Amino acid sequence: MSVFKIVLGLGLTTVLAFTATGHSAAQSNGDDSVVANVGGVKITMSDLEQEESAKLLAARYQYYQVETKALNDLIDKKLLEQKAAAEHLTVAQLLDREVNSKVKDPTEDQMRVYYEGVETEQPYEAVREKILEKIRQLRTDKAKAAYIQTLRTDSTVYIVLAPPSATLEAANPQMTQGPNNAQVSLVEFADYECPYCQKVAPDVKKLAADFSGKVSFAFKDFPLPMHSRAEKAAEAARCASEQNKFWEFHDELFHSKELDVDQLKAQARALKLDSEQFDKCLDSGAAAAAVDRDRKEGTRLGINGTPSFFINGHFMSGALDYATLRQAIEQQLTLQTVASAAK
């Protein structure tokens, strides 16, 4: 997926500033503009946002991803134009000097290896020129991307365009870590049985360490219907929270991936929880209602998969990794720094 970039480097002082589109601003700002009138009853943008948010958030996120790709292409174009102007060259001349002249043609052996991986019944000689051109293009694209990255590193680029936002309910304090007055809040809706959630869990933990004191982290349950063990695992983590061991239990579940009821109880004992209290909580389903509240909130917001993140209210979803989440956090921190400096 395409993600926004924050590149803060030394060197060129050009600043590219882009204004956020304000997706879902009506929900947070109380937009009373009328968008429809039904039998004399006015429907405002706030009404639309509140009642139909589940239909709007995912669609806006898809649009944001397209916007981001277009914005990054535009930034690359501007950087090339600025560099070319500084060197008294055209963009084509700059690319010829910095990219095209440095791309080497593949050897005959390399082209034959490429040919072996192509599904074709044509002989090598018949497709040789096409293979040569294809490899040239791949190498040129790679070299151009690397060169543009050096321009980004040597420039100052602020990207204000942010994912769509939504208003969330307050998280359970036992399932939140970090300062209450943190500059950035990260809320994750996740499923303990979800392989993508399991994969990203160490990244989220690393972010907590890297941004200690600056970011608060909250976890919300969104067990998916196709994961038969996720519901009980979520309940178990909440039972652990009653003994102030939520995060320890949370980390262990994502690490061990052992989610059967007897395994949940064994992990509680390994963490030295009061086993009688834990077992009673888990067996009785005492935490089921709380899990369901999180799930209903996620459904209201339009979440249909995990993990889903809200960073200062801005929605991100999909197979996200450490770099993507770090960039999102850095964007929010940078924007606050810029806003403070402008006062």
Protein backbone atom coordinates (compact mmCIF):
# COMPACT_ATOMS: atom_id res chain seq x y z
CA MET A 1 0.00 0.00 0.00
CA SER A 2 1.06 3.59 -0.54
CA VAL A 3 1.81 5.58 2.57
CA PHE A 4 2.61 9.20 3.26
CA LYS A 5 6.23 10.10 3.80
CA ILE A 6 7.83 12.43 6.28
CA VAL A 7 11.40 13.20 5.27
CA LEU A 8 13.24 15.66 7.47
CA GLY A 9 16.78 16.16 6.27
CA LEU A 10 19.52 18.73 6.06
CA GLY A 11 20.52 20.39 2.84
CA LEU A 12 17.94 21.98 0.58
CA THR A 13 15.54 24.22 2.45
CA THR A 14 12.58 23.97 0.08
CA VAL A 15 9.36 23.13 1.87
CA LEU A 16 6.46 21.51 0.04
CA ALA A 17 3.33 22.11 2.08
CA PHE A 18 0.03 20.50 1.19
CA THR A 19 -3.28 21.11 2.88
CA ALA A 20 -5.26 18.22 4.33
CA THR A 21 -8.53 17.46 2.57
CA GLY A 22 -10.42 17.35 5.84
CA HIS A 23 -11.98 13.92 5.42
CA SER A 24 -14.52 13.25 8.15
CA ALA A 25 -13.99 16.74 9.49
CA ALA A 26 -17.74 17.07 9.88
CA GLN A 27 -17.79 14.36 12.49
CA SER A 28 -15.18 16.03 14.66
CA ASN A 29 -16.12 19.65 13.97
CA GLY A 30 -19.93 19.38 14.08
CA ASP A 31 -20.67 20.44 10.49
CA ASP A 32 -24.27 21.68 10.45
CA SER A 33 -24.40 22.28 6.70
CA VAL A 34 -27.58 20.80 5.22
CA VAL A 35 -27.06 18.03 2.69
CA ALA A 36 -30.68 16.93 2.27
CA ASN A 37 -34.23 17.85 3.21
CA VAL A 38 -36.78 15.08 3.73
CA GLY A 39 -40.36 16.24 4.17
CA GLY A 40 -39.18 19.40 5.83
CA VAL A 41 -36.67 17.60 8.04
CA LYS A 42 -33.12 18.73 7.43
CA ILE A 43 -30.24 16.26 7.28
CA THR A 44 -26.89 17.84 8.10
CA MET A 45 -23.42 16.66 7.28
CA SER A 46 -23.00 15.78 10.96
CA ASP A 47 -26.10 13.59 10.78
CA LEU A 48 -24.69 11.82 7.75
CA GLU A 49 -21.33 11.30 9.41
CA GLN A 50 -22.86 9.99 12.61
CA GLU A 51 -25.45 7.69 11.08
CA GLU A 52 -23.53 6.36 8.09
CA SER A 53 -19.92 6.41 9.29
CA ALA A 54 -19.59 2.65 8.79
CA LYS A 55 -20.19 3.13 5.06
CA LEU A 56 -18.00 6.20 4.70
CA LEU A 57 -14.74 5.54 6.55
CA ALA A 58 -13.51 2.57 4.50
CA ALA A 59 -14.40 4.30 1.22
CA ARG A 60 -12.57 7.45 2.29
CA TYR A 61 -9.53 5.41 3.27
CA GLN A 62 -9.41 3.85 -0.19
CA TYR A 63 -9.64 7.31 -1.72
CA TYR A 64 -6.91 8.54 0.63
CA GLN A 65 -4.60 5.77 -0.58
CA VAL A 66 -5.14 6.88 -4.19
CA GLU A 67 -4.61 10.52 -3.14
CA THR A 68 -1.39 9.59 -1.37
CA LYS A 69 0.01 7.81 -4.41
CA ALA A 70 -0.81 10.84 -6.57
CA LEU A 71 0.67 13.23 -4.00
CA ASN A 72 3.93 11.29 -3.76
CA ASP A 73 4.18 11.28 -7.57
CA LEU A 74 3.66 15.05 -7.55
CA ILE A 75 6.29 15.55 -4.84
CA ASP A 76 8.77 13.49 -6.86
CA LYS A 77 8.01 15.61 -9.93
CA LYS A 78 8.56 18.85 -7.99
CA LEU A 79 11.82 17.62 -6.49
CA LEU A 80 13.16 16.68 -9.92
CA GLU A 81 12.13 20.04 -11.34
CA GLN A 82 13.75 21.94 -8.49
CA LYS A 83 16.98 19.95 -8.73
CA ALA A 84 17.12 20.36 -12.49
CA ALA A 85 16.57 24.13 -12.20
CA ALA A 86 19.33 24.38 -9.59
CA GLU A 87 21.70 22.55 -11.97
CA HIS A 88 20.55 24.63 -14.99
CA LEU A 89 19.31 21.48 -16.71
CA THR A 90 16.05 20.14 -17.99
CA VAL A 91 14.53 17.24 -16.06
CA ALA A 92 15.34 14.94 -18.98
CA GLN A 93 18.98 16.04 -18.94
CA LEU A 94 19.15 15.55 -15.17
CA LEU A 95 17.76 12.03 -15.44
CA ASP A 96 20.10 11.20 -18.28
CA ARG A 97 23.06 12.29 -16.17
CA GLU A 98 22.01 10.82 -12.80
CA VAL A 99 20.00 7.76 -13.82
CA ASN A 100 20.05 6.62 -17.43
CA SER A 101 23.82 6.89 -17.90
CA LYS A 102 24.38 4.68 -14.86
CA VAL A 103 22.06 1.83 -15.88
CA LYS A 104 23.99 -1.12 -17.26
CA ASP A 105 22.55 -3.61 -19.73
CA PRO A 106 22.18 -7.19 -18.50
CA THR A 107 24.59 -9.84 -19.65
CA GLU A 108 23.50 -12.55 -22.06
CA ASP A 109 23.48 -15.07 -19.21
CA GLN A 110 21.26 -12.82 -17.12
CA MET A 111 18.79 -12.46 -19.97
CA ARG A 112 18.70 -16.23 -20.48
CA VAL A 113 17.96 -16.72 -16.78
CA TYR A 114 15.13 -14.19 -17.09
CA TYR A 115 13.87 -16.03 -20.18
CA GLU A 116 13.67 -19.29 -18.23
CA GLY A 117 11.22 -17.66 -15.84
CA VAL A 118 8.95 -16.38 -18.60
CA GLU A 119 5.98 -18.48 -19.66
CA THR A 120 6.35 -18.49 -23.43
CA GLU A 121 6.69 -21.03 -26.21
CA GLN A 122 8.69 -18.63 -28.36
CA PRO A 123 12.43 -19.30 -28.73
CA TYR A 124 14.88 -17.10 -26.84
CA GLU A 125 16.06 -15.35 -29.99
CA ALA A 126 12.51 -14.25 -30.82
CA VAL A 127 11.97 -12.51 -27.47
CA ARG A 128 15.54 -11.43 -26.70
CA GLU A 129 14.99 -7.74 -27.55
CA LYS A 130 11.81 -7.61 -25.47
CA ILE A 131 13.64 -9.15 -22.52
CA LEU A 132 16.49 -6.67 -22.91
CA GLU A 133 14.08 -3.74 -22.96
CA LYS A 134 12.14 -5.08 -19.99
CA ILE A 135 15.26 -5.48 -17.84
CA ARG A 136 16.52 -2.06 -18.90
CA GLN A 137 13.21 -0.52 -17.82
CA LEU A 138 13.21 -2.35 -14.48
CA ARG A 139 16.75 -1.20 -13.73
CA THR A 140 16.00 2.35 -14.85
CA ASP A 141 12.90 2.52 -12.64
CA LYS A 142 14.87 1.20 -9.68
CA ALA A 143 17.71 3.65 -10.25
CA LYS A 144 15.29 6.57 -10.65
CA ALA A 145 13.50 5.65 -7.41
CA ALA A 146 16.83 5.50 -5.58
CA TYR A 147 17.86 8.89 -6.98
CA ILE A 148 14.56 10.51 -6.01
CA GLN A 149 14.98 9.10 -2.52
CA THR A 150 18.30 10.93 -2.24
CA LEU A 151 16.50 14.13 -3.25
CA ARG A 152 13.90 13.53 -0.54
CA THR A 153 16.63 12.92 2.02
CA ASP A 154 18.39 16.15 1.08
CA SER A 155 15.17 18.16 1.10
CA THR A 156 12.58 19.12 3.68
CA VAL A 157 9.17 17.75 2.80
CA TYR A 158 6.16 18.26 5.04
CA ILE A 159 3.09 16.24 4.14
CA VAL A 160 -0.09 17.38 5.79
CA LEU A 161 -2.43 15.08 3.88
CA ALA A 162 -3.66 12.59 6.47
CA PRO A 163 -5.94 9.54 6.49
CA PRO A 164 -9.65 10.04 7.18
CA SER A 165 -10.53 10.53 10.84
CA ALA A 166 -13.24 9.39 13.21
CA THR A 167 -14.27 9.99 16.79
CA LEU A 168 -13.58 7.06 19.12
CA GLU A 169 -14.98 6.13 22.48
CA ALA A 170 -12.64 6.32 25.46
CA ALA A 171 -10.45 3.24 25.83
CA ASN A 172 -10.32 1.05 28.92
CA PRO A 173 -7.57 2.55 31.14
CA GLN A 174 -6.30 -0.96 31.94
CA MET A 175 -5.80 -1.51 28.21
CA THR A 176 -3.94 1.77 27.66
CA GLN A 177 -0.28 2.53 28.20
CA GLY A 178 1.69 5.75 27.92
CA PRO A 179 1.11 9.26 29.26
CA ASN A 180 -2.42 10.67 29.36
CA ASN A 181 -1.17 13.90 27.80
CA ALA A 182 0.77 12.20 25.00
CA GLN A 183 1.16 14.15 21.76
CA VAL A 184 -0.04 11.16 19.77
CA SER A 185 -2.54 8.44 20.61
CA LEU A 186 -2.52 5.12 18.79
CA VAL A 187 -5.59 2.92 19.14
CA GLU A 188 -5.52 -0.59 17.68
CA PHE A 189 -8.55 -2.76 16.97
CA ALA A 190 -7.25 -6.31 16.76
CA ASP A 191 -7.99 -10.01 16.94
CA TYR A 192 -5.63 -12.34 18.83
CA GLU A 193 -6.08 -15.09 16.24
CA CYS A 194 -5.49 -12.80 13.25
CA PRO A 195 -2.11 -13.62 11.65
CA TYR A 196 -1.61 -10.00 10.56
CA CYS A 197 -2.23 -8.81 14.12
CA GLN A 198 0.24 -11.38 15.40
CA LYS A 199 2.81 -10.20 12.87
CA VAL A 200 2.44 -6.49 13.69
CA ALA A 201 2.38 -6.95 17.48
CA PRO A 202 6.20 -6.78 17.89
CA ASP A 203 6.23 -3.64 15.73
CA VAL A 204 3.66 -1.95 17.96
CA LYS A 205 5.70 -2.91 21.02
CA LYS A 206 8.84 -1.46 19.42
CA LEU A 207 6.97 1.77 18.67
CA ALA A 208 5.97 2.00 22.34
CA ALA A 209 9.65 1.83 23.27
CA ASP A 210 10.85 4.18 20.52
CA PHE A 211 8.27 6.87 21.29
CA SER A 212 8.17 6.49 25.06
CA GLY A 213 6.63 9.57 26.64
CA LYS A 214 5.29 10.89 23.34
CA VAL A 215 2.71 8.30 22.33
CA SER A 216 -0.08 6.52 24.21
CA PHE A 217 -1.21 3.10 23.04
CA ALA A 218 -4.67 1.61 23.51
CA PHE A 219 -5.94 -1.82 22.52
CA LYS A 220 -9.53 -2.60 21.55
CA ASP A 221 -11.01 -5.99 20.80
CA PHE A 222 -12.39 -6.84 17.39
CA PRO A 223 -12.58 -10.66 17.23
CA LEU A 224 -13.50 -11.71 13.71
CA PRO A 225 -16.27 -14.28 13.15
CA MET A 226 -14.01 -16.67 11.23
CA HIS A 227 -11.63 -17.00 14.19
CA SER A 228 -13.24 -19.39 16.63
CA ARG A 229 -10.74 -18.83 19.46
CA ALA A 230 -10.43 -15.07 19.22
CA GLU A 231 -13.48 -14.23 21.34
CA LYS A 232 -12.37 -16.26 24.35
CA ALA A 233 -8.80 -14.99 24.01
CA ALA A 234 -10.10 -11.42 24.15
CA GLU A 235 -12.11 -12.26 27.26
CA ALA A 236 -9.05 -13.85 28.85
CA ALA A 237 -6.94 -10.73 28.30
CA ARG A 238 -9.63 -8.66 29.97
CA CYS A 239 -9.74 -11.11 32.86
CA ALA A 240 -5.99 -10.58 33.20
CA SER A 241 -6.58 -6.82 33.21
CA GLU A 242 -8.60 -7.22 36.40
CA GLN A 243 -5.32 -8.26 38.01
CA ASN A 244 -3.37 -5.46 36.33
CA LYS A 245 -1.68 -7.84 33.90
CA PHE A 246 -3.41 -6.94 30.64
CA TRP A 247 -0.32 -5.97 28.64
CA GLU A 248 1.72 -8.92 29.86
CA PHE A 249 -1.09 -11.29 28.89
CA HIS A 250 -1.70 -9.45 25.61
CA ASP A 251 1.99 -9.79 24.65
CA GLU A 252 2.04 -13.45 25.59
CA LEU A 253 -1.02 -14.27 23.48
CA PHE A 254 0.46 -12.69 20.37
CA HIS A 255 3.80 -14.36 21.05
CA SER A 256 2.60 -17.88 21.88
CA LYS A 257 -0.49 -17.98 19.62
CA GLU A 258 -1.88 -20.53 22.10
CA LEU A 259 -5.55 -19.63 22.36
CA ASP A 260 -7.40 -22.73 23.52
CA VAL A 261 -9.13 -22.26 26.87
CA ASP A 262 -6.78 -24.62 28.70
CA GLN A 263 -3.81 -22.82 27.14
CA LEU A 264 -5.21 -19.44 28.20
CA LYS A 265 -5.46 -20.69 31.77
CA ALA A 266 -1.94 -22.12 31.64
CA GLN A 267 -0.56 -18.77 30.47
CA ALA A 268 -2.38 -17.02 33.29
CA ARG A 269 -0.66 -19.31 35.76
CA ALA A 270 2.70 -18.72 34.11
CA LEU A 271 2.18 -14.98 34.64
CA LYS A 272 1.40 -15.72 38.31
CA LEU A 273 -2.20 -14.51 38.16
CA ASP A 274 -4.64 -15.63 40.80
CA SER A 275 -5.79 -18.77 38.97
CA GLU A 276 -9.09 -19.12 40.83
CA GLN A 277 -10.11 -15.54 40.07
CA PHE A 278 -8.94 -15.80 36.46
CA ASP A 279 -10.69 -19.12 35.78
CA LYS A 280 -13.94 -17.88 37.29
CA CYS A 281 -13.83 -14.74 35.15
CA LEU A 282 -13.06 -16.68 31.97
CA ASP A 283 -15.51 -19.55 32.51
CA SER A 284 -18.38 -17.27 33.44
CA GLY A 285 -18.02 -15.04 30.38
CA ALA A 286 -17.88 -12.01 32.67
CA ALA A 287 -15.78 -10.08 30.15
CA ALA A 288 -17.88 -10.96 27.09
CA ALA A 289 -20.00 -7.80 27.25
CA ALA A 290 -16.94 -5.57 27.34
CA VAL A 291 -15.45 -7.35 24.32
CA ASP A 292 -18.74 -6.93 22.50
CA ARG A 293 -18.77 -3.18 23.20
CA ASP A 294 -15.44 -2.80 21.43
CA ARG A 295 -16.65 -4.95 18.53
CA LYS A 296 -19.81 -2.89 18.15
CA GLU A 297 -17.79 0.32 18.18
CA GLY A 298 -15.53 -1.06 15.46
CA THR A 299 -18.54 -2.07 13.40
CA ARG A 300 -20.05 1.39 13.83
CA LEU A 301 -16.81 2.92 12.60
CA GLY A 302 -16.82 0.71 9.53
CA ILE A 303 -13.97 -1.62 10.48
CA ASN A 304 -14.17 -4.90 8.59
CA GLY A 305 -10.72 -6.32 9.13
CA THR A 306 -7.80 -6.38 11.52
CA PRO A 307 -5.51 -4.85 12.48
CA SER A 308 -7.06 -1.40 12.18
CA PHE A 309 -5.36 1.63 13.71
CA PHE A 310 -6.43 5.14 14.64
CA ILE A 311 -3.48 7.53 15.06
CA ASN A 312 -4.75 10.75 16.58
CA GLY A 313 -8.10 9.62 15.23
CA HIS A 314 -6.80 9.03 11.70
CA PHE A 315 -7.76 5.62 10.33
CA MET A 316 -5.28 3.16 8.84
CA SER A 317 -5.88 -0.48 8.02
CA GLY A 318 -4.36 -3.43 6.20
CA ALA A 319 -1.07 -5.31 6.38
CA LEU A 320 0.78 -2.42 8.01
CA ASP A 321 4.39 -2.65 9.15
CA TYR A 322 6.68 -0.82 11.55
CA ALA A 323 7.89 1.71 8.97
CA THR A 324 4.35 2.66 7.94
CA LEU A 325 3.15 3.12 11.51
CA ARG A 326 6.30 5.02 12.47
CA GLN A 327 5.82 7.41 9.55
CA ALA A 328 2.22 8.02 10.62
CA ILE A 329 3.32 8.84 14.17
CA GLU A 330 6.17 11.03 12.97
CA GLN A 331 3.76 12.90 10.73
CA GLN A 332 1.56 13.79 13.69
CA LEU A 333 4.56 14.82 15.81
CA THR A 334 5.99 16.91 12.98
CA LEU A 335 2.71 18.67 12.30
CA GLN A 336 2.42 19.62 15.95
CA THR A 337 5.98 20.95 15.94
CA VAL A 338 5.32 23.01 12.81
CA ALA A 339 2.05 24.32 14.25
CA SER A 340 3.77 25.35 17.48
CA ALA A 341 6.56 27.09 15.62
CA ALA A 342 4.04 29.02 13.52
CA LYS A 343 2.34 30.52 16.61
